Amino acid sequence: MASPPLDKRSLDSAPIVPFAGWGRPTRDTDGPLRRMAGALGDRIVRGMEDLLGEELDARLARIERHTNEVGVDPFGFDPRAARYALAVAAFFHRFYFRSEVYGIENVPSGRALIIANHSGQLPIDGLAIGAALMLDAEPPRFPRSMVEKWSAELPFVSVLFPRVGQVVGSPENARRLLQNDETVLVFPEGSRGISKTFDRRYQLVDFGLGFMRLALETGTPIIPVAVVGAEEQYISLADLKPLAKLLGMPALPVMPQLFLGMFLPLPTKYRLYFGEPLTFTGDPDDEDGVIEEKVWVVKQTIQSMINRGLKERKSIFW
C-alpha cells in the first residue's frame, strides 16, 4: 500500500485504529495464489532464520518497546510478529536488491521523521528503508510507517499491518508515536509518487504539508532519504486513471512484466541515501504558504540526493 501524504486538514478527524485481534483466512478463501505466496514466504523466513536468526533476535531485543502485559502496544505492534516481517524484509534488502546504504549514521537515537521519495508501484521501498533502519543503524530503529486509512477495512491486511508496526496515517497517530520517541516513516508524495509512470521516474511530485506541521509541533528532526533503484523494479507504461477511479483505486498501472507472468519485482540494485537531519522552527498552525516554504526545502534536498545518486550509479542492476 502506498503511504498517504499527511495532511492536517483532511486527516485530523481520522481515528486511532487499535489492535483488533489476529486471524487466518478460512480454507474456502485459501486459493492457489495465496498458498503459493505463503509457501514462498515460509521459505524466505526459514532461510533468513538460518542466516540471520541470531542477528534479528539481538536487534529486536534492543528496540525500545511500549507494550502491555500481552506484548503489544496500543497500535497493535507485536515484536513477535514483526520478527517474521523483518526476516522477509532482510531477504529483499540484503540478498534480492543487494541494497547499498549511505549515511545511516545520520539517524538520531531519539524521535525522528524519515521523509523519503516513493516509487515502484508497490511499497517495497518502505520495506528496504525499514530493513536498513533495523539491520544497519546503530542503535537499531523499528520504523512505524503511515498507511492509507482504507487499509484498516481490508480483510487480513487490517490485522497484519498493525501487528508489524504499520499505523493508519492520521496526525494524531503520528503525534503519539513521536511523543513516544518512535521513528516514523512518511512518504509525502503518497499514492501519486508510488504510481508514477516510467517516463516520470525520479521526478518528485508535490509533497503534503502534514509532516512539516508535525515536525514543528513535536520538535522532531527530519531525516531526508533518497531511494534509487525502486523506479525500475516494476515498469509502468501508463496509468488507467478512469478505470482506477471506477474501481476505487488510486492508480491502475499498465506493467508488461505482469502480463508476462513476472510477478516478482525486477532485481534492481537499491541505493539508500540518508541525509543529515533537518531541523525547522515555527508555528505548526501557520498558513499553508509559510509551511510550503519549509516543505520545499525538504523536497529539494531529497531531489538533489536522488540526482546525485543517479549520477553516481553505473548500472541499474549492479
C-alpha atoms as a PDB file:
ATOM      1  CA  MET A   1       0.000   0.000   0.000  1.00  0.00           C
ATOM      2  CA  ALA A   2       1.192   3.456  -0.713  1.00  0.00           C
ATOM      3  CA  SER A   3       1.597   5.738   2.269  1.00  0.00           C
ATOM      4  CA  PRO A   4      -0.530   8.879   2.006  1.00  0.00           C
ATOM      5  CA  PRO A   5       0.701  12.419   2.431  1.00  0.00           C
ATOM      6  CA  LEU A   6      -0.148  13.526   5.961  1.00  0.00           C
ATOM      7  CA  ASP A   7      -2.496  16.442   5.506  1.00  0.00           C
ATOM      8  CA  LYS A   8      -3.638  18.135   8.709  1.00  0.00           C
ATOM      9  CA  ARG A   9      -6.920  19.413   7.337  1.00  0.00           C
ATOM     10  CA  SER A  10      -8.065  16.144   5.789  1.00  0.00           C
ATOM     11  CA  LEU A  11      -6.784  13.711   8.411  1.00  0.00           C
ATOM     12  CA  ASP A  12      -7.294  15.435  11.769  1.00  0.00           C
ATOM     13  CA  SER A  13     -10.596  13.613  12.184  1.00  0.00           C
ATOM     14  CA  ALA A  14      -9.147  10.169  11.421  1.00  0.00           C
ATOM     15  CA  PRO A  15      -9.442   7.895  14.467  1.00  0.00           C
ATOM     16  CA  ILE A  16      -6.707   5.922  16.110  1.00  0.00           C
ATOM     17  CA  VAL A  17      -7.086   2.329  14.953  1.00  0.00           C
ATOM     18  CA  PRO A  18      -6.131  -0.052  17.761  1.00  0.00           C
ATOM     19  CA  PHE A  19      -5.203  -3.694  17.530  1.00  0.00           C
ATOM     20  CA  ALA A  20      -8.320  -5.725  16.827  1.00  0.00           C
ATOM     21  CA  GLY A  21      -7.131  -9.300  17.145  1.00  0.00           C
ATOM     22  CA  TRP A  22      -5.497 -11.807  14.841  1.00  0.00           C
ATOM     23  CA  GLY A  23      -6.997 -14.128  12.299  1.00  0.00           C
ATOM     24  CA  ARG A  24      -6.258 -16.505   9.467  1.00  0.00           C
ATOM     25  CA  PRO A  25      -8.014 -16.887   6.123  1.00  0.00           C
ATOM     26  CA  THR A  26     -10.569 -19.666   6.080  1.00  0.00           C
ATOM     27  CA  ARG A  27      -9.958 -22.707   3.945  1.00  0.00           C
ATOM     28  CA  ASP A  28     -12.545 -21.764   1.324  1.00  0.00           C
ATOM     29  CA  THR A  29     -10.674 -18.480   0.573  1.00  0.00           C
ATOM     30  CA  ASP A  30      -7.250 -20.113   0.510  1.00  0.00           C
ATOM     31  CA  GLY A  31      -6.691 -20.175  -3.248  1.00  0.00           C
ATOM     32  CA  PRO A  32      -3.631 -21.411  -5.168  1.00  0.00           C
ATOM     33  CA  LEU A  33      -2.007 -17.958  -5.415  1.00  0.00           C
ATOM     34  CA  ARG A  34      -2.396 -17.429  -1.661  1.00  0.00           C
ATOM     35  CA  ARG A  35      -0.895 -20.872  -0.975  1.00  0.00           C
ATOM     36  CA  MET A  36       1.969 -20.171  -3.381  1.00  0.00           C
ATOM     37  CA  ALA A  37       2.688 -16.830  -1.709  1.00  0.00           C
ATOM     38  CA  GLY A  38       2.503 -18.456   1.710  1.00  0.00           C
ATOM     39  CA  ALA A  39       4.936 -21.200   0.712  1.00  0.00           C
ATOM     40  CA  LEU A  40       7.372 -18.665  -0.716  1.00  0.00           C
ATOM     41  CA  GLY A  41       7.129 -16.575   2.433  1.00  0.00           C
ATOM     42  CA  ASP A  42       7.775 -19.629   4.599  1.00  0.00           C
ATOM     43  CA  ARG A  43      10.894 -20.490   2.601  1.00  0.00           C
ATOM     44  CA  ILE A  44      12.206 -16.945   2.874  1.00  0.00           C
ATOM     45  CA  VAL A  45      11.628 -16.870   6.627  1.00  0.00           C
ATOM     46  CA  ARG A  46      13.301 -20.244   7.118  1.00  0.00           C
ATOM     47  CA  GLY A  47      16.256 -19.144   5.005  1.00  0.00           C
ATOM     48  CA  MET A  48      16.651 -15.937   6.994  1.00  0.00           C
ATOM     49  CA  GLU A  49      16.403 -17.957  10.212  1.00  0.00           C
ATOM     50  CA  ASP A  50      19.453 -19.938   9.128  1.00  0.00           C
ATOM     51  CA  LEU A  51      21.416 -16.883   8.003  1.00  0.00           C
ATOM     52  CA  LEU A  52      20.330 -14.047  10.299  1.00  0.00           C
ATOM     53  CA  GLY A  53      18.262 -15.568  13.090  1.00  0.00           C
ATOM     54  CA  GLU A  54      20.546 -14.532  15.936  1.00  0.00           C
ATOM     55  CA  GLU A  55      21.087 -11.059  14.490  1.00  0.00           C
ATOM     56  CA  LEU A  56      17.346 -10.486  14.072  1.00  0.00           C
ATOM     57  CA  ASP A  57      16.672 -11.524  17.664  1.00  0.00           C
ATOM     58  CA  ALA A  58      19.510  -9.411  19.029  1.00  0.00           C
ATOM     59  CA  ARG A  59      18.420  -6.276  17.184  1.00  0.00           C
ATOM     60  CA  LEU A  60      14.735  -6.664  18.034  1.00  0.00           C
ATOM     61  CA  ALA A  61      15.697  -7.071  21.692  1.00  0.00           C
ATOM     62  CA  ARG A  62      17.406  -3.665  21.590  1.00  0.00           C
ATOM     63  CA  ILE A  63      14.499  -1.587  20.329  1.00  0.00           C
ATOM     64  CA  GLU A  64      12.531   0.406  22.893  1.00  0.00           C
ATOM     65  CA  ARG A  65       9.065  -1.016  23.410  1.00  0.00           C
ATOM     66  CA  HIS A  66       5.840   0.450  24.733  1.00  0.00           C
ATOM     67  CA  THR A  67       3.962  -2.834  25.037  1.00  0.00           C
ATOM     68  CA  ASN A  68       1.356  -4.008  27.523  1.00  0.00           C
ATOM     69  CA  GLU A  69       1.175  -7.215  29.545  1.00  0.00           C
ATOM     70  CA  VAL A  70       0.347  -9.329  26.475  1.00  0.00           C
ATOM     71  CA  GLY A  71       3.250  -7.926  24.466  1.00  0.00           C
ATOM     72  CA  VAL A  72       1.553  -5.489  22.065  1.00  0.00           C
ATOM     73  CA  ASP A  73       1.461  -1.701  22.046  1.00  0.00           C
ATOM     74  CA  PRO A  74      -1.691   0.487  21.761  1.00  0.00           C
ATOM     75  CA  PHE A  75      -1.473   0.340  17.962  1.00  0.00           C
ATOM     76  CA  GLY A  76      -1.217  -3.457  17.856  1.00  0.00           C
ATOM     77  CA  PHE A  77       2.534  -3.732  17.213  1.00  0.00           C
ATOM     78  CA  ASP A  78       3.736  -7.204  18.221  1.00  0.00           C
ATOM     79  CA  PRO A  79       7.532  -7.754  18.166  1.00  0.00           C
ATOM     80  CA  ARG A  80       6.974 -11.494  17.742  1.00  0.00           C
ATOM     81  CA  ALA A  81       5.036 -10.992  14.510  1.00  0.00           C
ATOM     82  CA  ALA A  82       7.400  -8.214  13.436  1.00  0.00           C
ATOM     83  CA  ARG A  83      10.279 -10.670  13.603  1.00  0.00           C
ATOM     84  CA  TYR A  84       8.879 -12.595  10.631  1.00  0.00           C
ATOM     85  CA  ALA A  85       8.223  -9.391   8.689  1.00  0.00           C
ATOM     86  CA  LEU A  86      11.794  -8.332   9.387  1.00  0.00           C
ATOM     87  CA  ALA A  87      13.073 -11.675   8.078  1.00  0.00           C
ATOM     88  CA  VAL A  88      11.262 -11.123   4.767  1.00  0.00           C
ATOM     89  CA  ALA A  89      12.491  -7.513   4.631  1.00  0.00           C
ATOM     90  CA  ALA A  90      16.061  -8.685   5.315  1.00  0.00           C
ATOM     91  CA  PHE A  91      15.903 -11.112   2.397  1.00  0.00           C
ATOM     92  CA  PHE A  92      14.878  -8.428  -0.085  1.00  0.00           C
ATOM     93  CA  HIS A  93      17.187  -5.809   1.433  1.00  0.00           C
ATOM     94  CA  ARG A  94      20.399  -7.840   1.645  1.00  0.00           C
ATOM     95  CA  PHE A  95      20.046 -10.538  -0.986  1.00  0.00           C
ATOM     96  CA  TYR A  96      17.417  -9.701  -3.617  1.00  0.00           C
ATOM     97  CA  PHE A  97      18.013  -5.958  -4.087  1.00  0.00           C
ATOM     98  CA  ARG A  98      21.515  -6.038  -2.549  1.00  0.00           C
ATOM     99  CA  SER A  99      20.938  -2.623  -1.051  1.00  0.00           C
ATOM    100  CA  GLU A 100      23.766  -0.193  -0.500  1.00  0.00           C
ATOM    101  CA  VAL A 101      23.138   2.148   2.440  1.00  0.00           C
ATOM    102  CA  TYR A 102      24.784   5.535   2.817  1.00  0.00           C
ATOM    103  CA  GLY A 103      24.594   7.971   5.730  1.00  0.00           C
ATOM    104  CA  ILE A 104      22.646   5.714   8.083  1.00  0.00           C
ATOM    105  CA  GLU A 105      24.653   7.249  10.936  1.00  0.00           C
ATOM    106  CA  ASN A 106      22.630  10.442  10.391  1.00  0.00           C
ATOM    107  CA  VAL A 107      19.574   8.836  12.004  1.00  0.00           C
ATOM    108  CA  PRO A 108      19.419  10.046  15.638  1.00  0.00           C
ATOM    109  CA  SER A 109      18.710   7.772  18.571  1.00  0.00           C
ATOM    110  CA  GLY A 110      15.608   9.715  19.648  1.00  0.00           C
ATOM    111  CA  ARG A 111      12.426  10.547  17.778  1.00  0.00           C
ATOM    112  CA  ALA A 112      12.768  11.144  14.049  1.00  0.00           C
ATOM    113  CA  LEU A 113      10.662  11.679  10.955  1.00  0.00           C
ATOM    114  CA  ILE A 114      12.029   9.707   7.993  1.00  0.00           C
ATOM    115  CA  ILE A 115      10.882  11.504   4.837  1.00  0.00           C
ATOM    116  CA  ALA A 116      11.544   9.686   1.551  1.00  0.00           C
ATOM    117  CA  ASN A 117      10.629   9.624  -2.116  1.00  0.00           C
ATOM    118  CA  HIS A 118       8.084   6.974  -3.061  1.00  0.00           C
ATOM    119  CA  SER A 119       8.136   4.823  -6.206  1.00  0.00           C
ATOM    120  CA  GLY A 120       7.919   1.373  -7.720  1.00  0.00           C
ATOM    121  CA  GLN A 121       4.141   0.617  -7.853  1.00  0.00           C
ATOM    122  CA  LEU A 122       4.405  -1.479  -4.669  1.00  0.00           C
ATOM    123  CA  PRO A 123       5.817  -0.058  -1.381  1.00  0.00           C
ATOM    124  CA  ILE A 124       8.916  -2.227  -1.343  1.00  0.00           C
ATOM    125  CA  ASP A 125      10.971   0.931  -0.865  1.00  0.00           C
ATOM    126  CA  GLY A 126       9.406   1.220   2.595  1.00  0.00           C
ATOM    127  CA  LEU A 127      10.405  -2.382   3.274  1.00  0.00           C
ATOM    128  CA  ALA A 128      14.008  -1.611   2.339  1.00  0.00           C
ATOM    129  CA  ILE A 129      14.154   1.546   4.447  1.00  0.00           C
ATOM    130  CA  GLY A 130      12.747  -0.356   7.411  1.00  0.00           C
ATOM    131  CA  ALA A 131      15.281  -3.145   6.984  1.00  0.00           C
ATOM    132  CA  ALA A 132      18.138  -0.633   6.799  1.00  0.00           C
ATOM    133  CA  LEU A 133      16.985   1.088   9.996  1.00  0.00           C
ATOM    134  CA  MET A 134      16.786  -2.242  11.815  1.00  0.00           C
ATOM    135  CA  LEU A 135      19.834  -4.022  10.399  1.00  0.00           C
ATOM    136  CA  ASP A 136      22.278  -1.217   9.572  1.00  0.00           C
ATOM    137  CA  ALA A 137      21.550   1.604  12.039  1.00  0.00           C
ATOM    138  CA  GLU A 138      23.101   1.950  15.479  1.00  0.00           C
ATOM    139  CA  PRO A 139      21.094   1.733  17.597  1.00  0.00           C
ATOM    140  CA  PRO A 140      18.561  -0.213  15.516  1.00  0.00           C
ATOM    141  CA  ARG A 141      15.270   1.579  14.918  1.00  0.00           C
ATOM    142  CA  PHE A 142      11.941  -0.044  14.099  1.00  0.00           C
ATOM    143  CA  PRO A 143      10.135   2.491  11.886  1.00  0.00           C
ATOM    144  CA  ARG A 144       6.391   2.994  12.046  1.00  0.00           C
ATOM    145  CA  SER A 145       5.007   3.645   8.580  1.00  0.00           C
ATOM    146  CA  MET A 146       1.885   5.689   7.912  1.00  0.00           C
ATOM    147  CA  VAL A 147      -0.528   3.745   5.668  1.00  0.00           C
ATOM    148  CA  GLU A 148      -3.759   4.545   3.864  1.00  0.00           C
ATOM    149  CA  LYS A 149      -6.874   4.810   6.047  1.00  0.00           C
ATOM    150  CA  TRP A 150      -8.799   2.358   3.895  1.00  0.00           C
ATOM    151  CA  SER A 151      -6.242  -0.382   4.656  1.00  0.00           C
ATOM    152  CA  ALA A 152      -7.968  -0.731   8.040  1.00  0.00           C
ATOM    153  CA  GLU A 153     -11.030  -2.058   6.202  1.00  0.00           C
ATOM    154  CA  LEU A 154      -9.256  -4.799   4.242  1.00  0.00           C
ATOM    155  CA  PRO A 155      -9.538  -8.428   5.429  1.00  0.00           C
ATOM    156  CA  PHE A 156      -6.282  -9.843   6.802  1.00  0.00           C
ATOM    157  CA  VAL A 157      -4.368  -6.652   5.942  1.00  0.00           C
ATOM    158  CA  SER A 158      -6.242  -4.734   8.643  1.00  0.00           C
ATOM    159  CA  VAL A 159      -4.800  -7.168  11.189  1.00  0.00           C
ATOM    160  CA  LEU A 160      -1.400  -7.798   9.633  1.00  0.00           C
ATOM    161  CA  PHE A 161      -0.375  -4.162   9.237  1.00  0.00           C
ATOM    162  CA  PRO A 162      -0.780  -3.177  12.911  1.00  0.00           C
ATOM    163  CA  ARG A 163       0.952  -6.379  14.010  1.00  0.00           C
ATOM    164  CA  VAL A 164       4.089  -5.485  12.074  1.00  0.00           C
ATOM    165  CA  GLY A 165       4.135  -1.831  13.106  1.00  0.00           C
ATOM    166  CA  GLN A 166       2.167  -0.076  10.358  1.00  0.00           C
ATOM    167  CA  VAL A 167      -0.161   2.683  11.544  1.00  0.00           C
ATOM    168  CA  VAL A 168      -3.136   4.395   9.914  1.00  0.00           C
ATOM    169  CA  GLY A 169      -1.920   7.746   8.602  1.00  0.00           C
ATOM    170  CA  SER A 170      -3.552  10.347  10.815  1.00  0.00           C
ATOM    171  CA  PRO A 171      -1.801  13.270  12.535  1.00  0.00           C
ATOM    172  CA  GLU A 172      -2.952  12.066  15.940  1.00  0.00           C
ATOM    173  CA  ASN A 173      -1.400   8.644  15.428  1.00  0.00           C
ATOM    174  CA  ALA A 174       1.888  10.125  14.217  1.00  0.00           C
ATOM    175  CA  ARG A 175       1.886  12.639  17.070  1.00  0.00           C
ATOM    176  CA  ARG A 176       1.526   9.926  19.695  1.00  0.00           C
ATOM    177  CA  LEU A 177       4.300   7.854  18.155  1.00  0.00           C
ATOM    178  CA  LEU A 178       6.691  10.805  18.053  1.00  0.00           C
ATOM    179  CA  GLN A 179       5.878  11.692  21.635  1.00  0.00           C
ATOM    180  CA  ASN A 180       6.991   8.142  22.494  1.00  0.00           C
ATOM    181  CA  ASP A 181      10.313   8.853  20.715  1.00  0.00           C
ATOM    182  CA  GLU A 182       9.489   6.473  17.871  1.00  0.00           C
ATOM    183  CA  THR A 183      10.854   6.656  14.330  1.00  0.00           C
ATOM    184  CA  VAL A 184       8.042   7.475  11.901  1.00  0.00           C
ATOM    185  CA  LEU A 185       8.364   6.855   8.155  1.00  0.00           C
ATOM    186  CA  VAL A 186       6.309   9.086   5.837  1.00  0.00           C
ATOM    187  CA  PHE A 187       6.157   9.269   2.053  1.00  0.00           C
ATOM    188  CA  PRO A 188       4.758  12.780   1.442  1.00  0.00           C
ATOM    189  CA  GLU A 189       4.093  12.037  -2.242  1.00  0.00           C
ATOM    190  CA  GLY A 190       1.595   9.356  -1.246  1.00  0.00           C
ATOM    191  CA  SER A 191      -0.018   7.238  -3.955  1.00  0.00           C
ATOM    192  CA  ARG A 192       0.857   9.835  -6.598  1.00  0.00           C
ATOM    193  CA  GLY A 193       4.521   9.097  -6.042  1.00  0.00           C
ATOM    194  CA  ILE A 194       4.416   5.329  -5.979  1.00  0.00           C
ATOM    195  CA  SER A 195       2.313   5.094  -9.150  1.00  0.00           C
ATOM    196  CA  LYS A 196       4.464   7.252 -11.446  1.00  0.00           C
ATOM    197  CA  THR A 197       4.891   6.008 -14.994  1.00  0.00           C
ATOM    198  CA  PHE A 198       8.383   5.160 -16.237  1.00  0.00           C
ATOM    199  CA  ASP A 199       8.776   8.384 -18.220  1.00  0.00           C
ATOM    200  CA  ARG A 200       8.388  10.363 -14.950  1.00  0.00           C
ATOM    201  CA  ARG A 201      10.788   8.251 -12.897  1.00  0.00           C
ATOM    202  CA  TYR A 202      12.731  10.018 -10.152  1.00  0.00           C
ATOM    203  CA  GLN A 203      10.728  13.220 -10.622  1.00  0.00           C
ATOM    204  CA  LEU A 204       9.180  14.131  -7.285  1.00  0.00           C
ATOM    205  CA  VAL A 205       5.532  15.163  -7.222  1.00  0.00           C
ATOM    206  CA  ASP A 206       4.096  17.644  -4.727  1.00  0.00           C
ATOM    207  CA  PHE A 207       4.616  16.854  -1.048  1.00  0.00           C
ATOM    208  CA  GLY A 208       1.836  17.004   1.507  1.00  0.00           C
ATOM    209  CA  LEU A 209       2.266  19.540   4.306  1.00  0.00           C
ATOM    210  CA  GLY A 210       1.206  17.489   7.310  1.00  0.00           C
ATOM    211  CA  PHE A 211       4.618  16.021   8.110  1.00  0.00           C
ATOM    212  CA  MET A 212       6.104  19.508   8.496  1.00  0.00           C
ATOM    213  CA  ARG A 213       3.347  20.609  10.857  1.00  0.00           C
ATOM    214  CA  LEU A 214       4.057  17.514  12.958  1.00  0.00           C
ATOM    215  CA  ALA A 215       7.789  18.169  12.971  1.00  0.00           C
ATOM    216  CA  LEU A 216       7.230  21.742  14.156  1.00  0.00           C
ATOM    217  CA  GLU A 217       4.693  20.743  16.807  1.00  0.00           C
ATOM    218  CA  THR A 218       6.778  17.928  18.297  1.00  0.00           C
ATOM    219  CA  GLY A 219      10.259  19.368  17.748  1.00  0.00           C
ATOM    220  CA  THR A 220      11.227  16.364  15.653  1.00  0.00           C
ATOM    221  CA  PRO A 221      14.215  16.359  13.287  1.00  0.00           C
ATOM    222  CA  ILE A 222      13.524  15.358   9.683  1.00  0.00           C
ATOM    223  CA  ILE A 223      15.828  12.813   8.042  1.00  0.00           C
ATOM    224  CA  PRO A 224      15.621  13.135   4.243  1.00  0.00           C
ATOM    225  CA  VAL A 225      16.025   9.822   2.426  1.00  0.00           C
ATOM    226  CA  ALA A 226      16.555   9.215  -1.284  1.00  0.00           C
ATOM    227  CA  VAL A 227      15.785   5.781  -2.731  1.00  0.00           C
ATOM    228  CA  VAL A 228      17.435   4.976  -6.057  1.00  0.00           C
ATOM    229  CA  GLY A 229      16.554   1.684  -7.746  1.00  0.00           C
ATOM    230  CA  ALA A 230      12.870   1.251  -6.946  1.00  0.00           C
ATOM    231  CA  GLU A 231      11.601   3.079 -10.033  1.00  0.00           C
ATOM    232  CA  GLU A 232      12.811   0.254 -12.283  1.00  0.00           C
ATOM    233  CA  GLN A 233      11.509  -2.717 -10.247  1.00  0.00           C
ATOM    234  CA  TYR A 234       8.058  -2.559 -11.892  1.00  0.00           C
ATOM    235  CA  ILE A 235       7.948  -0.558 -15.124  1.00  0.00           C
ATOM    236  CA  SER A 236       4.633   1.211 -15.640  1.00  0.00           C
ATOM    237  CA  LEU A 237       3.921   2.361 -19.178  1.00  0.00           C
ATOM    238  CA  ALA A 238       0.584   4.015 -18.412  1.00  0.00           C
ATOM    239  CA  ASP A 239      -1.894   4.697 -15.653  1.00  0.00           C
ATOM    240  CA  LEU A 240      -5.517   3.846 -16.472  1.00  0.00           C
ATOM    241  CA  LYS A 241      -6.959   6.634 -14.324  1.00  0.00           C
ATOM    242  CA  PRO A 242     -10.625   6.391 -15.456  1.00  0.00           C
ATOM    243  CA  LEU A 243     -10.740   2.662 -14.744  1.00  0.00           C
ATOM    244  CA  ALA A 244      -8.852   3.135 -11.480  1.00  0.00           C
ATOM    245  CA  LYS A 245     -11.421   5.706 -10.385  1.00  0.00           C
ATOM    246  CA  LEU A 246     -14.244   3.364 -11.317  1.00  0.00           C
ATOM    247  CA  LEU A 247     -12.679   0.613  -9.200  1.00  0.00           C
ATOM    248  CA  GLY A 248     -11.957   2.969  -6.299  1.00  0.00           C
ATOM    249  CA  MET A 249      -8.194   2.594  -6.679  1.00  0.00           C
ATOM    250  CA  PRO A 250      -5.596   5.392  -6.522  1.00  0.00           C
ATOM    251  CA  ALA A 251      -3.974   4.112  -9.734  1.00  0.00           C
ATOM    252  CA  LEU A 252      -4.122   1.234 -12.205  1.00  0.00           C
ATOM    253  CA  PRO A 253      -0.672   0.872 -13.784  1.00  0.00           C
ATOM    254  CA  VAL A 254      -0.024  -0.989 -17.027  1.00  0.00           C
ATOM    255  CA  MET A 255       3.026  -3.176 -16.323  1.00  0.00           C
ATOM    256  CA  PRO A 256       4.213  -5.507 -19.115  1.00  0.00           C
ATOM    257  CA  GLN A 257       6.118  -7.802 -16.768  1.00  0.00           C
ATOM    258  CA  LEU A 258       2.877  -8.795 -15.036  1.00  0.00           C
ATOM    259  CA  PHE A 259       1.338  -9.775 -18.375  1.00  0.00           C
ATOM    260  CA  LEU A 260       4.419 -11.931 -18.948  1.00  0.00           C
ATOM    261  CA  GLY A 261       3.869 -13.684 -15.623  1.00  0.00           C
ATOM    262  CA  MET A 262       6.778 -11.967 -13.851  1.00  0.00           C
ATOM    263  CA  PHE A 263       5.151 -11.191 -10.525  1.00  0.00           C
ATOM    264  CA  LEU A 264       8.329 -10.615  -8.530  1.00  0.00           C
ATOM    265  CA  PRO A 265       9.924  -7.191  -8.991  1.00  0.00           C
ATOM    266  CA  LEU A 266      12.994  -6.985 -11.181  1.00  0.00           C
ATOM    267  CA  PRO A 267      16.159  -7.482  -9.072  1.00  0.00           C
ATOM    268  CA  THR A 268      17.324  -3.895  -9.398  1.00  0.00           C
ATOM    269  CA  LYS A 269      20.050  -2.672  -7.070  1.00  0.00           C
ATOM    270  CA  TYR A 270      18.755  -0.410  -4.324  1.00  0.00           C
ATOM    271  CA  ARG A 271      20.772   2.538  -3.080  1.00  0.00           C
ATOM    272  CA  LEU A 272      19.501   4.256   0.056  1.00  0.00           C
ATOM    273  CA  TYR A 273      20.855   7.678   0.965  1.00  0.00           C
ATOM    274  CA  PHE A 274      20.131   9.034   4.463  1.00  0.00           C
ATOM    275  CA  GLY A 275      20.789  12.768   4.631  1.00  0.00           C
ATOM    276  CA  GLU A 276      21.770  14.908   7.588  1.00  0.00           C
ATOM    277  CA  PRO A 277      18.929  15.871   9.975  1.00  0.00           C
ATOM    278  CA  LEU A 278      16.927  18.959   9.041  1.00  0.00           C
ATOM    279  CA  THR A 279      15.532  20.961  11.955  1.00  0.00           C
ATOM    280  CA  PHE A 280      12.806  23.566  11.486  1.00  0.00           C
ATOM    281  CA  THR A 281      11.239  26.073  13.855  1.00  0.00           C
ATOM    282  CA  GLY A 282       7.983  27.975  13.668  1.00  0.00           C
ATOM    283  CA  ASP A 283       4.273  27.752  14.375  1.00  0.00           C
ATOM    284  CA  PRO A 284       2.739  24.449  13.236  1.00  0.00           C
ATOM    285  CA  ASP A 285      -0.540  26.296  12.622  1.00  0.00           C
ATOM    286  CA  ASP A 286       0.972  28.794  10.203  1.00  0.00           C
ATOM    287  CA  GLU A 287      -0.748  29.356   6.876  1.00  0.00           C
ATOM    288  CA  ASP A 288      -0.047  26.865   4.115  1.00  0.00           C
ATOM    289  CA  GLY A 289       2.205  29.311   2.266  1.00  0.00           C
ATOM    290  CA  VAL A 290       4.593  29.517   5.216  1.00  0.00           C
ATOM    291  CA  ILE A 291       4.647  25.741   5.675  1.00  0.00           C
ATOM    292  CA  GLU A 292       5.130  25.180   1.944  1.00  0.00           C
ATOM    293  CA  GLU A 293       8.424  27.094   2.041  1.00  0.00           C
ATOM    294  CA  LYS A 294       9.788  24.674   4.659  1.00  0.00           C
ATOM    295  CA  VAL A 295       8.433  21.645   2.796  1.00  0.00           C
ATOM    296  CA  TRP A 296      10.115  22.928  -0.389  1.00  0.00           C
ATOM    297  CA  VAL A 297      13.494  22.738   1.383  1.00  0.00           C
ATOM    298  CA  VAL A 298      12.919  19.069   2.247  1.00  0.00           C
ATOM    299  CA  LYS A 299      11.664  18.218  -1.235  1.00  0.00           C
ATOM    300  CA  GLN A 300      14.598  19.927  -2.955  1.00  0.00           C
ATOM    301  CA  THR A 301      17.055  18.228  -0.594  1.00  0.00           C
ATOM    302  CA  ILE A 302      15.680  14.800  -1.499  1.00  0.00           C
ATOM    303  CA  GLN A 303      15.570  15.618  -5.216  1.00  0.00           C
ATOM    304  CA  SER A 304      19.212  16.713  -5.072  1.00  0.00           C
ATOM    305  CA  MET A 305      20.145  13.475  -3.280  1.00  0.00           C
ATOM    306  CA  ILE A 306      18.288  11.459  -5.937  1.00  0.00           C
ATOM    307  CA  ASN A 307      20.040  13.305  -8.757  1.00  0.00           C
ATOM    308  CA  ARG A 308      23.431  12.712  -7.158  1.00  0.00           C
ATOM    309  CA  GLY A 309      22.668   9.032  -6.660  1.00  0.00           C
ATOM    310  CA  LEU A 310      21.587   8.615 -10.280  1.00  0.00           C
ATOM    311  CA  LYS A 311      24.733  10.326 -11.472  1.00  0.00           C
ATOM    312  CA  GLU A 312      26.969   8.077  -9.373  1.00  0.00           C
ATOM    313  CA  ARG A 313      25.411   4.717 -10.205  1.00  0.00           C
ATOM    314  CA  LYS A 314      26.892   2.784 -13.100  1.00  0.00           C
ATOM    315  CA  SER A 315      24.127   0.238 -13.615  1.00  0.00           C
ATOM    316  CA  ILE A 316      20.500  -0.343 -12.697  1.00  0.00           C
ATOM    317  CA  PHE A 317      21.264  -3.917 -11.624  1.00  0.00           C
ATOM    318  CA  TRP A 318      24.868  -3.785 -10.370  1.00  0.00           C
END
